[in-house]
Amino acid sequence: MDFQTRLYELDEINSCLYDIGFTKLSVYSSYEKVIAENNQTEKFL
């Protein structure tokens, strides 16, 4: 089976992370630190 589960969209969780005290966030689409630009990526790091 080939399927994907998406729990959050890009930037959707940012406010939660800021609320718990983080001051700097970077969101990547791969382990090579490619910046995530849209919701078409398979994962957000």
PDB file of all heavy atoms in Angstrom:
ATOM      1  N   MET A   1       0.847  -1.199   0.000  1.00  0.00           N
ATOM      2  CA  MET A   1       0.000   0.000   0.000  1.00  0.00           C
ATOM      3  C   MET A   1       0.879   1.244   0.000  1.00  0.00           C
ATOM      4  O   MET A   1       1.897   1.290   0.676  1.00  0.00           O
ATOM      5  CB  MET A   1      -0.912   0.007   1.222  1.00  0.00           C
ATOM      6  CG  MET A   1      -1.929  -1.107   1.203  1.00  0.00           C
ATOM      7  SD  MET A   1      -2.928  -1.197   2.702  1.00  0.00           S
ATOM      8  CE  MET A   1      -3.485   0.458   2.908  1.00  0.00           C
ATOM      9  N   ASP A   2       0.466   2.230  -0.751  1.00  0.00           N
ATOM     10  CA  ASP A   2       1.187   3.497  -0.798  1.00  0.00           C
ATOM     11  C   ASP A   2       0.215   4.593  -0.374  1.00  0.00           C
ATOM     12  O   ASP A   2      -0.766   4.858  -1.066  1.00  0.00           O
ATOM     13  CB  ASP A   2       1.703   3.748  -2.209  1.00  0.00           C
ATOM     14  CG  ASP A   2       2.533   5.004  -2.290  1.00  0.00           C
ATOM     15  OD1 ASP A   2       3.398   5.190  -1.414  1.00  0.00           O
ATOM     16  OD2 ASP A   2       2.300   5.792  -3.215  1.00  0.00           O
ATOM     17  N   PHE A   3       0.448   5.192   0.780  1.00  0.00           N
ATOM     18  CA  PHE A   3      -0.434   6.249   1.252  1.00  0.00           C
ATOM     19  C   PHE A   3       0.359   7.242   2.094  1.00  0.00           C
ATOM     20  O   PHE A   3       1.461   6.954   2.534  1.00  0.00           O
ATOM     21  CB  PHE A   3      -1.612   5.696   2.052  1.00  0.00           C
ATOM     22  CG  PHE A   3      -1.200   5.004   3.317  1.00  0.00           C
ATOM     23  CD1 PHE A   3      -1.152   5.704   4.512  1.00  0.00           C
ATOM     24  CD2 PHE A   3      -0.882   3.659   3.318  1.00  0.00           C
ATOM     25  CE1 PHE A   3      -0.769   5.077   5.684  1.00  0.00           C
ATOM     26  CE2 PHE A   3      -0.496   3.022   4.490  1.00  0.00           C
ATOM     27  CZ  PHE A   3      -0.440   3.736   5.673  1.00  0.00           C
ATOM     28  N   GLN A   4      -0.218   8.410   2.300  1.00  0.00           N
ATOM     29  CA  GLN A   4       0.400   9.439   3.122  1.00  0.00           C
ATOM     30  C   GLN A   4      -0.616   9.916   4.152  1.00  0.00           C
ATOM     31  O   GLN A   4      -1.806   9.980   3.866  1.00  0.00           O
ATOM     32  CB  GLN A   4       0.818  10.648   2.282  1.00  0.00           C
ATOM     33  CG  GLN A   4       1.917  10.376   1.326  1.00  0.00           C
ATOM     34  CD  GLN A   4       2.323  11.635   0.558  1.00  0.00           C
ATOM     35  OE1 GLN A   4       1.664  12.650   0.639  1.00  0.00           O
ATOM     36  NE2 GLN A   4       3.396  11.534  -0.172  1.00  0.00           N
ATOM     37  N   THR A   5      -0.129  10.248   5.317  1.00  0.00           N
ATOM     38  CA  THR A   5      -0.959  10.852   6.351  1.00  0.00           C
ATOM     39  C   THR A   5      -0.412  12.239   6.621  1.00  0.00           C
ATOM     40  O   THR A   5       0.779  12.410   6.854  1.00  0.00           O
ATOM     41  CB  THR A   5      -0.909  10.020   7.648  1.00  0.00           C
ATOM     42  OG1 THR A   5      -1.360   8.709   7.348  1.00  0.00           O
ATOM     43  CG2 THR A   5      -1.773  10.641   8.711  1.00  0.00           C
ATOM     44  N   ARG A   6      -1.268  13.219   6.555  1.00  0.00           N
ATOM     45  CA  ARG A   6      -0.850  14.588   6.798  1.00  0.00           C
ATOM     46  C   ARG A   6      -1.564  15.090   8.040  1.00  0.00           C
ATOM     47  O   ARG A   6      -2.774  15.230   8.057  1.00  0.00           O
ATOM     48  CB  ARG A   6      -1.208  15.468   5.597  1.00  0.00           C
ATOM     49  CG  ARG A   6      -0.099  16.390   5.225  1.00  0.00           C
ATOM     50  CD  ARG A   6      -0.443  17.243   4.040  1.00  0.00           C
ATOM     51  NE  ARG A   6      -0.014  16.719   2.769  1.00  0.00           N
ATOM     52  CZ  ARG A   6       1.238  16.642   2.362  1.00  0.00           C
ATOM     53  NH1 ARG A   6       2.202  16.996   3.152  1.00  0.00           N
ATOM     54  NH2 ARG A   6       1.525  16.196   1.176  1.00  0.00           N
ATOM     55  N   LEU A   7      -0.800  15.314   9.100  1.00  0.00           N
ATOM     56  CA  LEU A   7      -1.382  15.799  10.338  1.00  0.00           C
ATOM     57  C   LEU A   7      -1.450  17.323  10.374  1.00  0.00           C
ATOM     58  O   LEU A   7      -2.332  17.894  10.979  1.00  0.00           O
ATOM     59  CB  LEU A   7      -0.575  15.290  11.523  1.00  0.00           C
ATOM     60  CG  LEU A   7      -0.520  13.779  11.690  1.00  0.00           C
ATOM     61  CD1 LEU A   7       0.373  13.408  12.870  1.00  0.00           C
ATOM     62  CD2 LEU A   7      -1.906  13.211  11.870  1.00  0.00           C
ATOM     63  N   TYR A   8      -0.495  17.975   9.752  1.00  0.00           N
ATOM     64  CA  TYR A   8      -0.422  19.435   9.764  1.00  0.00           C
ATOM     65  C   TYR A   8      -0.079  19.946   8.388  1.00  0.00           C
ATOM     66  O   TYR A   8       0.612  19.289   7.622  1.00  0.00           O
ATOM     67  CB  TYR A   8       0.660  19.919  10.742  1.00  0.00           C
ATOM     68  CG  TYR A   8       0.406  19.527  12.158  1.00  0.00           C
ATOM     69  CD1 TYR A   8       1.046  18.439  12.723  1.00  0.00           C
ATOM     70  CD2 TYR A   8      -0.495  20.237  12.935  1.00  0.00           C
ATOM     71  CE1 TYR A   8       0.807  18.061  14.030  1.00  0.00           C
ATOM     72  CE2 TYR A   8      -0.742  19.882  14.249  1.00  0.00           C
ATOM     73  CZ  TYR A   8      -0.089  18.789  14.786  1.00  0.00           C
ATOM     74  OH  TYR A   8      -0.332  18.430  16.075  1.00  0.00           O
ATOM     75  N   GLU A   9      -0.540  21.136   8.093  1.00  0.00           N
ATOM     76  CA  GLU A   9      -0.110  21.828   6.888  1.00  0.00           C
ATOM     77  C   GLU A   9       1.069  22.712   7.249  1.00  0.00           C
ATOM     78  O   GLU A   9       1.334  22.982   8.421  1.00  0.00           O
ATOM     79  CB  GLU A   9      -1.252  22.673   6.315  1.00  0.00           C
ATOM     80  CG  GLU A   9      -2.377  21.816   5.776  1.00  0.00           C
ATOM     81  CD  GLU A   9      -3.433  22.615   5.052  1.00  0.00           C
ATOM     82  OE1 GLU A   9      -3.263  23.838   4.880  1.00  0.00           O
ATOM     83  OE2 GLU A   9      -4.430  22.008   4.658  1.00  0.00           O
ATOM     84  N   LEU A  10       1.785  23.166   6.243  1.00  0.00           N
ATOM     85  CA  LEU A  10       2.937  24.021   6.458  1.00  0.00           C
ATOM     86  C   LEU A  10       2.535  25.237   7.277  1.00  0.00           C
ATOM     87  O   LEU A  10       1.517  25.866   6.993  1.00  0.00           O
ATOM     88  CB  LEU A  10       3.525  24.462   5.115  1.00  0.00           C
ATOM     89  CG  LEU A  10       4.769  25.341   5.167  1.00  0.00           C
ATOM     90  CD1 LEU A  10       5.917  24.612   5.866  1.00  0.00           C
ATOM     91  CD2 LEU A  10       5.182  25.745   3.760  1.00  0.00           C
ATOM     92  N   ASP A  11       3.282  25.541   8.311  1.00  0.00           N
ATOM     93  CA  ASP A  11       3.082  26.681   9.225  1.00  0.00           C
ATOM     94  C   ASP A  11       1.923  26.510  10.205  1.00  0.00           C
ATOM     95  O   ASP A  11       1.733  27.351  11.075  1.00  0.00           O
ATOM     96  CB  ASP A  11       2.899  27.999   8.459  1.00  0.00           C
ATOM     97  CG  ASP A  11       4.131  28.370   7.665  1.00  0.00           C
ATOM     98  OD1 ASP A  11       5.248  27.994   8.093  1.00  0.00           O
ATOM     99  OD2 ASP A  11       4.000  29.041   6.631  1.00  0.00           O
ATOM    100  N   GLU A  12       1.165  25.435  10.107  1.00  0.00           N
ATOM    101  CA  GLU A  12       0.021  25.253  11.001  1.00  0.00           C
ATOM    102  C   GLU A  12       0.440  25.050  12.453  1.00  0.00           C
ATOM    103  O   GLU A  12      -0.237  25.503  13.373  1.00  0.00           O
ATOM    104  CB  GLU A  12      -0.821  24.062  10.534  1.00  0.00           C
ATOM    105  CG  GLU A  12      -2.084  23.859  11.294  1.00  0.00           C
ATOM    106  CD  GLU A  12      -2.930  22.736  10.723  1.00  0.00           C
ATOM    107  OE1 GLU A  12      -2.637  22.237   9.632  1.00  0.00           O
ATOM    108  OE2 GLU A  12      -3.898  22.354  11.412  1.00  0.00           O
ATOM    109  N   ILE A  13       1.557  24.401  12.692  1.00  0.00           N
ATOM    110  CA  ILE A  13       1.990  24.094  14.057  1.00  0.00           C
ATOM    111  C   ILE A  13       2.895  25.182  14.642  1.00  0.00           C
ATOM    112  O   ILE A  13       3.216  25.172  15.827  1.00  0.00           O
ATOM    113  CB  ILE A  13       2.680  22.713  14.094  1.00  0.00           C
ATOM    114  CG1 ILE A  13       2.745  22.182  15.517  1.00  0.00           C
ATOM    115  CG2 ILE A  13       4.050  22.779  13.463  1.00  0.00           C
ATOM    116  CD1 ILE A  13       3.170  20.750  15.610  1.00  0.00           C
ATOM    117  N   ASN A  14       3.292  26.154  13.818  1.00  0.00           N
ATOM    118  CA  ASN A  14       4.230  27.178  14.279  1.00  0.00           C
ATOM    119  C   ASN A  14       3.756  27.909  15.525  1.00  0.00           C
ATOM    120  O   ASN A  14       4.537  28.126  16.453  1.00  0.00           O
ATOM    121  CB  ASN A  14       4.510  28.186  13.170  1.00  0.00           C
ATOM    122  CG  ASN A  14       5.294  27.591  12.036  1.00  0.00           C
ATOM    123  OD1 ASN A  14       5.508  26.394  11.972  1.00  0.00           O
ATOM    124  ND2 ASN A  14       5.718  28.427  11.113  1.00  0.00           N
ATOM    125  N   SER A  15       2.506  28.305  15.578  1.00  0.00           N
ATOM    126  CA  SER A  15       2.022  29.048  16.746  1.00  0.00           C
ATOM    127  C   SER A  15       2.128  28.213  18.018  1.00  0.00           C
ATOM    128  O   SER A  15       2.454  28.749  19.080  1.00  0.00           O
ATOM    129  CB  SER A  15       0.591  29.541  16.526  1.00  0.00           C
ATOM    130  OG  SER A  15      -0.280  28.444  16.359  1.00  0.00           O
ATOM    131  N   CYS A  16       1.899  26.919  17.933  1.00  0.00           N
ATOM    132  CA  CYS A  16       2.046  26.044  19.103  1.00  0.00           C
ATOM    133  C   CYS A  16       3.501  26.010  19.568  1.00  0.00           C
ATOM    134  O   CYS A  16       3.768  26.051  20.773  1.00  0.00           O
ATOM    135  CB  CYS A  16       1.591  24.631  18.776  1.00  0.00           C
ATOM    136  SG  CYS A  16      -0.152  24.465  18.415  1.00  0.00           S
ATOM    137  N   LEU A  17       4.422  25.945  18.640  1.00  0.00           N
ATOM    138  CA  LEU A  17       5.839  25.900  19.004  1.00  0.00           C
ATOM    139  C   LEU A  17       6.289  27.220  19.618  1.00  0.00           C
ATOM    140  O   LEU A  17       7.047  27.229  20.590  1.00  0.00           O
ATOM    141  CB  LEU A  17       6.685  25.545  17.783  1.00  0.00           C
ATOM    142  CG  LEU A  17       6.461  24.130  17.244  1.00  0.00           C
ATOM    143  CD1 LEU A  17       7.165  23.951  15.912  1.00  0.00           C
ATOM    144  CD2 LEU A  17       6.905  23.085  18.246  1.00  0.00           C
ATOM    145  N   TYR A  18       5.803  28.345  19.082  1.00  0.00           N
ATOM    146  CA  TYR A  18       6.125  29.643  19.687  1.00  0.00           C
ATOM    147  C   TYR A  18       5.499  29.757  21.081  1.00  0.00           C
ATOM    148  O   TYR A  18       6.114  30.281  22.005  1.00  0.00           O
ATOM    149  CB  TYR A  18       5.652  30.796  18.803  1.00  0.00           C
ATOM    150  CG  TYR A  18       6.507  31.024  17.576  1.00  0.00           C
ATOM    151  CD1 TYR A  18       5.953  31.019  16.311  1.00  0.00           C
ATOM    152  CD2 TYR A  18       7.879  31.261  17.693  1.00  0.00           C
ATOM    153  CE1 TYR A  18       6.736  31.240  15.183  1.00  0.00           C
ATOM    154  CE2 TYR A  18       8.670  31.467  16.573  1.00  0.00           C
ATOM    155  CZ  TYR A  18       8.093  31.460  15.322  1.00  0.00           C
ATOM    156  OH  TYR A  18       8.871  31.679  14.216  1.00  0.00           O
ATOM    157  N   ASP A  19       4.284  29.248  21.250  1.00  0.00           N
ATOM    158  CA  ASP A  19       3.596  29.308  22.552  1.00  0.00           C
ATOM    159  C   ASP A  19       4.337  28.556  23.646  1.00  0.00           C
ATOM    160  O   ASP A  19       4.286  28.944  24.813  1.00  0.00           O
ATOM    161  CB  ASP A  19       2.174  28.754  22.442  1.00  0.00           C
ATOM    162  CG  ASP A  19       1.220  29.672  21.717  1.00  0.00           C
ATOM    163  OD1 ASP A  19       1.561  30.857  21.491  1.00  0.00           O
ATOM    164  OD2 ASP A  19       0.113  29.211  21.357  1.00  0.00           O
ATOM    165  N   ILE A  20       5.039  27.478  23.292  1.00  0.00           N
ATOM    166  CA  ILE A  20       5.755  26.720  24.322  1.00  0.00           C
ATOM    167  C   ILE A  20       7.173  27.236  24.539  1.00  0.00           C
ATOM    168  O   ILE A  20       7.918  26.677  25.331  1.00  0.00           O
ATOM    169  CB  ILE A  20       5.760  25.202  24.039  1.00  0.00           C
ATOM    170  CG1 ILE A  20       6.451  24.883  22.722  1.00  0.00           C
ATOM    171  CG2 ILE A  20       4.356  24.657  24.069  1.00  0.00           C
ATOM    172  CD1 ILE A  20       6.628  23.388  22.474  1.00  0.00           C
ATOM    173  N   GLY A  21       7.545  28.313  23.824  1.00  0.00           N
ATOM    174  CA  GLY A  21       8.791  28.971  24.150  1.00  0.00           C
ATOM    175  C   GLY A  21       9.869  29.017  23.091  1.00  0.00           C
ATOM    176  O   GLY A  21      10.906  29.652  23.292  1.00  0.00           O
ATOM    177  N   PHE A  22       9.686  28.327  21.983  1.00  0.00           N
ATOM    178  CA  PHE A  22      10.700  28.410  20.932  1.00  0.00           C
ATOM    179  C   PHE A  22      10.657  29.794  20.303  1.00  0.00           C
ATOM    180  O   PHE A  22       9.600  30.369  20.108  1.00  0.00           O
ATOM    181  CB  PHE A  22      10.481  27.338  19.859  1.00  0.00           C
ATOM    182  CG  PHE A  22      10.777  25.949  20.351  1.00  0.00           C
ATOM    183  CD1 PHE A  22       9.754  25.041  20.584  1.00  0.00           C
ATOM    184  CD2 PHE A  22      12.087  25.546  20.596  1.00  0.00           C
ATOM    185  CE1 PHE A  22      10.017  23.770  21.046  1.00  0.00           C
ATOM    186  CE2 PHE A  22      12.369  24.268  21.057  1.00  0.00           C
ATOM    187  CZ  PHE A  22      11.328  23.381  21.284  1.00  0.00           C
ATOM    188  N   THR A  23      11.822  30.336  19.983  1.00  0.00           N
ATOM    189  CA  THR A  23      11.885  31.682  19.404  1.00  0.00           C
ATOM    190  C   THR A  23      12.331  31.674  17.948  1.00  0.00           C
ATOM    191  O   THR A  23      12.146  32.660  17.249  1.00  0.00           O
ATOM    192  CB  THR A  23      12.856  32.566  20.210  1.00  0.00           C
ATOM    193  OG1 THR A  23      14.136  31.938  20.243  1.00  0.00           O
ATOM    194  CG2 THR A  23      12.339  32.773  21.626  1.00  0.00           C
ATOM    195  N   LYS A  24      12.924  30.571  17.499  1.00  0.00           N
ATOM    196  CA  LYS A  24      13.369  30.483  16.112  1.00  0.00           C
ATOM    197  C   LYS A  24      12.950  29.135  15.544  1.00  0.00           C
ATOM    198  O   LYS A  24      13.218  28.096  16.148  1.00  0.00           O
ATOM    199  CB  LYS A  24      14.891  30.625  16.026  1.00  0.00           C
ATOM    200  CG  LYS A  24      15.411  30.615  14.606  1.00  0.00           C
ATOM    201  CD  LYS A  24      16.898  30.933  14.570  1.00  0.00           C
ATOM    202  CE  LYS A  24      17.383  31.110  13.148  1.00  0.00           C
ATOM    203  NZ  LYS A  24      17.624  29.916  12.413  1.00  0.00           N
ATOM    204  N   LEU A  25      12.279  29.161  14.403  1.00  0.00           N
ATOM    205  CA  LEU A  25      11.834  27.938  13.740  1.00  0.00           C
ATOM    206  C   LEU A  25      12.350  27.926  12.311  1.00  0.00           C
ATOM    207  O   LEU A  25      12.301  28.938  11.619  1.00  0.00           O
ATOM    208  CB  LEU A  25      10.308  27.853  13.682  1.00  0.00           C
ATOM    209  CG  LEU A  25       9.529  27.916  14.978  1.00  0.00           C
ATOM    210  CD1 LEU A  25       8.041  27.903  14.686  1.00  0.00           C
ATOM    211  CD2 LEU A  25       9.902  26.770  15.882  1.00  0.00           C
ATOM    212  N   SER A  26      12.808  26.773  11.882  1.00  0.00           N
ATOM    213  CA  SER A  26      13.125  26.531  10.481  1.00  0.00           C
ATOM    214  C   SER A  26      12.384  25.264  10.097  1.00  0.00           C
ATOM    215  O   SER A  26      12.377  24.292  10.851  1.00  0.00           O
ATOM    216  CB  SER A  26      14.621  26.335  10.270  1.00  0.00           C
ATOM    217  OG  SER A  26      15.322  27.499  10.620  1.00  0.00           O
ATOM    218  N   VAL A  27      11.745  25.277   8.929  1.00  0.00           N
ATOM    219  CA  VAL A  27      10.968  24.119   8.481  1.00  0.00           C
ATOM    220  C   VAL A  27      11.564  23.624   7.166  1.00  0.00           C
ATOM    221  O   VAL A  27      11.659  24.370   6.191  1.00  0.00           O
ATOM    222  CB  VAL A  27       9.478  24.467   8.286  1.00  0.00           C
ATOM    223  CG1 VAL A  27       8.685  23.212   7.947  1.00  0.00           C
ATOM    224  CG2 VAL A  27       8.913  25.146   9.519  1.00  0.00           C
ATOM    225  N   TYR A  28      11.961  22.360   7.170  1.00  0.00           N
ATOM    226  CA  TYR A  28      12.611  21.763   6.013  1.00  0.00           C
ATOM    227  C   TYR A  28      11.741  20.657   5.426  1.00  0.00           C
ATOM    228  O   TYR A  28      10.899  20.077   6.099  1.00  0.00           O
ATOM    229  CB  TYR A  28      13.967  21.180   6.410  1.00  0.00           C
ATOM    230  CG  TYR A  28      14.875  22.172   7.081  1.00  0.00           C
ATOM    231  CD1 TYR A  28      15.207  22.054   8.425  1.00  0.00           C
ATOM    232  CD2 TYR A  28      15.407  23.239   6.377  1.00  0.00           C
ATOM    233  CE1 TYR A  28      16.044  22.970   9.037  1.00  0.00           C
ATOM    234  CE2 TYR A  28      16.248  24.160   6.981  1.00  0.00           C
ATOM    235  CZ  TYR A  28      16.567  24.017   8.314  1.00  0.00           C
ATOM    236  OH  TYR A  28      17.382  24.925   8.926  1.00  0.00           O
ATOM    237  N   SER A  29      12.013  20.355   4.160  1.00  0.00           N
ATOM    238  CA  SER A  29      11.283  19.277   3.490  1.00  0.00           C
ATOM    239  C   SER A  29      12.150  18.032   3.312  1.00  0.00           C
ATOM    240  O   SER A  29      11.693  17.041   2.758  1.00  0.00           O
ATOM    241  CB  SER A  29      10.773  19.750   2.131  1.00  0.00           C
ATOM    242  OG  SER A  29      11.855  20.102   1.295  1.00  0.00           O
ATOM    243  N   SER A  30      13.405  18.098   3.776  1.00  0.00           N
ATOM    244  CA  SER A  30      14.287  16.940   3.671  1.00  0.00           C
ATOM    245  C   SER A  30      15.392  17.051   4.725  1.00  0.00           C
ATOM    246  O   SER A  30      15.592  18.110   5.311  1.00  0.00           O
ATOM    247  CB  SER A  30      14.927  16.873   2.285  1.00  0.00           C
ATOM    248  OG  SER A  30      15.884  17.887   2.135  1.00  0.00           O
ATOM    249  N   TYR A  31      16.096  15.956   4.908  1.00  0.00           N
ATOM    250  CA  TYR A  31      17.207  15.954   5.863  1.00  0.00           C
ATOM    251  C   TYR A  31      18.400  16.763   5.343  1.00  0.00           C
ATOM    252  O   TYR A  31      19.313  17.056   6.091  1.00  0.00           O
ATOM    253  CB  TYR A  31      17.639  14.523   6.180  1.00  0.00           C
ATOM    254  CG  TYR A  31      16.600  13.779   6.991  1.00  0.00           C
ATOM    255  CD1 TYR A  31      15.836  12.775   6.419  1.00  0.00           C
ATOM    256  CD2 TYR A  31      16.373  14.102   8.322  1.00  0.00           C
ATOM    257  CE1 TYR A  31      14.877  12.103   7.158  1.00  0.00           C
ATOM    258  CE2 TYR A  31      15.419  13.441   9.070  1.00  0.00           C
ATOM    259  CZ  TYR A  31      14.676  12.446   8.478  1.00  0.00           C
ATOM    260  OH  TYR A  31      13.728  11.799   9.206  1.00  0.00           O
ATOM    261  N   GLU A  32      18.382  17.127   4.074  1.00  0.00           N
ATOM    262  CA  GLU A  32      19.434  17.975   3.512  1.00  0.00           C
ATOM    263  C   GLU A  32      19.151  19.449   3.763  1.00  0.00           C
ATOM    264  O   GLU A  32      19.817  20.322   3.220  1.00  0.00           O
ATOM    265  CB  GLU A  32      19.564  17.726   1.999  1.00  0.00           C
ATOM    266  CG  GLU A  32      20.180  16.392   1.651  1.00  0.00           C
ATOM    267  CD  GLU A  32      19.188  15.247   1.763  1.00  0.00           C
ATOM    268  OE1 GLU A  32      17.973  15.463   1.577  1.00  0.00           O
ATOM    269  OE2 GLU A  32      19.629  14.129   2.050  1.00  0.00           O
ATOM    270  N   LYS A  33      18.132  19.738   4.567  1.00  0.00           N
ATOM    271  CA  LYS A  33      17.733  21.088   4.969  1.00  0.00           C
ATOM    272  C   LYS A  33      17.276  21.956   3.798  1.00  0.00           C
ATOM    273  O   LYS A  33      17.606  23.120   3.699  1.00  0.00           O
ATOM    274  CB  LYS A  33      18.837  21.776   5.766  1.00  0.00           C
ATOM    275  CG  LYS A  33      19.077  21.122   7.118  1.00  0.00           C
ATOM    276  CD  LYS A  33      19.956  21.973   7.995  1.00  0.00           C
ATOM    277  CE  LYS A  33      20.007  21.383   9.398  1.00  0.00           C
ATOM    278  NZ  LYS A  33      20.753  22.238  10.304  1.00  0.00           N
ATOM    279  N   VAL A  34      16.502  21.343   2.914  1.00  0.00           N
ATOM    280  CA  VAL A  34      15.841  22.096   1.853  1.00  0.00           C
ATOM    281  C   VAL A  34      14.610  22.746   2.478  1.00  0.00           C
ATOM    282  O   VAL A  34      13.782  22.062   3.088  1.00  0.00           O
ATOM    283  CB  VAL A  34      15.427  21.172   0.684  1.00  0.00           C
ATOM    284  CG1 VAL A  34      14.637  21.937  -0.351  1.00  0.00           C
ATOM    285  CG2 VAL A  34      16.662  20.522   0.071  1.00  0.00           C
ATOM    286  N   ILE A  35      14.501  24.063   2.370  1.00  0.00           N
ATOM    287  CA  ILE A  35      13.394  24.796   3.000  1.00  0.00           C
ATOM    288  C   ILE A  35      12.060  24.329   2.417  1.00  0.00           C
ATOM    289  O   ILE A  35      11.892  24.254   1.203  1.00  0.00           O
ATOM    290  CB  ILE A  35      13.554  26.316   2.779  1.00  0.00           C
ATOM    291  CG1 ILE A  35      14.854  26.812   3.403  1.00  0.00           C
ATOM    292  CG2 ILE A  35      12.350  27.090   3.325  1.00  0.00           C
ATOM    293  CD1 ILE A  35      14.903  26.725   4.910  1.00  0.00           C
ATOM    294  N   ALA A  36      11.113  24.019   3.297  1.00  0.00           N
ATOM    295  CA  ALA A  36       9.760  23.640   2.868  1.00  0.00           C
ATOM    296  C   ALA A  36       9.038  24.892   2.392  1.00  0.00           C
ATOM    297  O   ALA A  36       8.995  25.897   3.098  1.00  0.00           O
ATOM    298  CB  ALA A  36       9.005  22.997   4.021  1.00  0.00           C
ATOM    299  N   GLU A  37       8.483  24.829   1.188  1.00  0.00           N
ATOM    300  CA  GLU A  37       7.841  25.996   0.601  1.00  0.00           C
ATOM    301  C   GLU A  37       6.331  25.858   0.453  1.00  0.00           C
ATOM    302  O   GLU A  37       5.633  26.851   0.310  1.00  0.00           O
ATOM    303  CB  GLU A  37       8.461  26.300  -0.758  1.00  0.00           C
ATOM    304  CG  GLU A  37       9.934  26.673  -0.649  1.00  0.00           C
ATOM    305  CD  GLU A  37      10.560  26.975  -1.992  1.00  0.00           C
ATOM    306  OE1 GLU A  37       9.823  27.019  -3.002  1.00  0.00           O
ATOM    307  OE2 GLU A  37      11.771  27.188  -2.034  1.00  0.00           O
ATOM    308  N   ASN A  38       5.825  24.611   0.457  1.00  0.00           N
ATOM    309  CA  ASN A  38       4.378  24.413   0.284  1.00  0.00           C
ATOM    310  C   ASN A  38       3.973  23.071   0.874  1.00  0.00           C
ATOM    311  O   ASN A  38       4.791  22.343   1.408  1.00  0.00           O
ATOM    312  CB  ASN A  38       3.993  24.524  -1.192  1.00  0.00           C
ATOM    313  CG  ASN A  38       4.713  23.519  -2.052  1.00  0.00           C
ATOM    314  OD1 ASN A  38       4.786  22.340  -1.718  1.00  0.00           O
ATOM    315  ND2 ASN A  38       5.278  23.968  -3.164  1.00  0.00           N
ATOM    316  N   ASN A  39       2.696  22.753   0.763  1.00  0.00           N
ATOM    317  CA  ASN A  39       2.163  21.524   1.348  1.00  0.00           C
ATOM    318  C   ASN A  39       2.365  20.288   0.475  1.00  0.00           C
ATOM    319  O   ASN A  39       1.892  19.216   0.822  1.00  0.00           O
ATOM    320  CB  ASN A  39       0.670  21.695   1.634  1.00  0.00           C
ATOM    321  CG  ASN A  39       0.433  22.632   2.783  1.00  0.00           C
ATOM    322  OD1 ASN A  39       1.131  22.573   3.784  1.00  0.00           O
ATOM    323  ND2 ASN A  39      -0.523  23.515   2.646  1.00  0.00           N
ATOM    324  N   GLN A  40       3.064  20.411  -0.624  1.00  0.00           N
ATOM    325  CA  GLN A  40       3.271  19.280  -1.527  1.00  0.00           C
ATOM    326  C   GLN A  40       4.420  18.371  -1.095  1.00  0.00           C
ATOM    327  O   GLN A  40       4.643  17.341  -1.696  1.00  0.00           O
ATOM    328  CB  GLN A  40       3.527  19.786  -2.953  1.00  0.00           C
ATOM    329  CG  GLN A  40       2.397  20.629  -3.505  1.00  0.00           C
ATOM    330  CD  GLN A  40       1.060  19.913  -3.471  1.00  0.00           C
ATOM    331  OE1 GLN A  40       0.963  18.759  -3.882  1.00  0.00           O
ATOM    332  NE2 GLN A  40       0.046  20.575  -2.954  1.00  0.00           N
ATOM    333  N   THR A  41       5.136  18.743  -0.052  1.00  0.00           N
ATOM    334  CA  THR A  41       6.238  17.918   0.429  1.00  0.00           C
ATOM    335  C   THR A  41       5.706  16.717   1.212  1.00  0.00           C
ATOM    336  O   THR A  41       4.607  16.749   1.741  1.00  0.00           O
ATOM    337  CB  THR A  41       7.192  18.764   1.308  1.00  0.00           C
ATOM    338  OG1 THR A  41       8.311  17.970   1.650  1.00  0.00           O
ATOM    339  CG2 THR A  41       6.512  19.256   2.552  1.00  0.00           C
ATOM    340  N   GLU A  42       6.485  15.658   1.268  1.00  0.00           N
ATOM    341  CA  GLU A  42       6.066  14.447   1.966  1.00  0.00           C
ATOM    342  C   GLU A  42       6.199  14.557   3.472  1.00  0.00           C
ATOM    343  O   GLU A  42       5.529  13.861   4.206  1.00  0.00           O
ATOM    344  CB  GLU A  42       6.878  13.244   1.470  1.00  0.00           C
ATOM    345  CG  GLU A  42       6.547  12.855   0.050  1.00  0.00           C
ATOM    346  CD  GLU A  42       7.277  11.591  -0.361  1.00  0.00           C
ATOM    347  OE1 GLU A  42       7.797  10.878   0.516  1.00  0.00           O
ATOM    348  OE2 GLU A  42       7.313  11.327  -1.569  1.00  0.00           O
ATOM    349  N   LYS A  43       7.110  15.400   3.945  1.00  0.00           N
ATOM    350  CA  LYS A  43       7.313  15.532   5.384  1.00  0.00           C
ATOM    351  C   LYS A  43       7.788  16.945   5.701  1.00  0.00           C
ATOM    352  O   LYS A  43       8.329  17.640   4.842  1.00  0.00           O
ATOM    353  CB  LYS A  43       8.327  14.511   5.891  1.00  0.00           C
ATOM    354  CG  LYS A  43       9.703  14.667   5.279  1.00  0.00           C
ATOM    355  CD  LYS A  43      10.625  13.561   5.744  1.00  0.00           C
ATOM    356  CE  LYS A  43      11.884  13.495   4.927  1.00  0.00           C
ATOM    357  NZ  LYS A  43      11.751  12.729   3.712  1.00  0.00           N
ATOM    358  N   PHE A  44       7.564  17.340   6.933  1.00  0.00           N
ATOM    359  CA  PHE A  44       8.081  18.603   7.436  1.00  0.00           C
ATOM    360  C   PHE A  44       9.005  18.301   8.602  1.00  0.00           C
ATOM    361  O   PHE A  44       8.633  17.582   9.526  1.00  0.00           O
ATOM    362  CB  PHE A  44       6.960  19.525   7.925  1.00  0.00           C
ATOM    363  CG  PHE A  44       6.006  19.944   6.841  1.00  0.00           C
ATOM    364  CD1 PHE A  44       4.668  19.637   6.946  1.00  0.00           C
ATOM    365  CD2 PHE A  44       6.445  20.651   5.739  1.00  0.00           C
ATOM    366  CE1 PHE A  44       3.788  20.028   5.948  1.00  0.00           C
ATOM    367  CE2 PHE A  44       5.571  21.040   4.750  1.00  0.00           C
ATOM    368  CZ  PHE A  44       4.238  20.726   4.848  1.00  0.00           C
ATOM    369  N   LEU A  45      10.210  18.808   8.537  1.00  0.00           N
ATOM    370  CA  LEU A  45      11.181  18.633   9.607  1.00  0.00           C
ATOM    371  C   LEU A  45      11.400  19.988  10.249  1.00  0.00           C
ATOM    372  O   LEU A  45      11.745  20.958   9.569  1.00  0.00           O
ATOM    373  CB  LEU A  45      12.498  18.099   9.055  1.00  0.00           C
ATOM    374  CG  LEU A  45      12.390  16.792   8.295  1.00  0.00           C
ATOM    375  CD1 LEU A  45      13.686  16.493   7.573  1.00  0.00           C
ATOM    376  CD2 LEU A  45      12.045  15.662   9.231  1.00  0.00           C
TER     377      LEU A  45
END
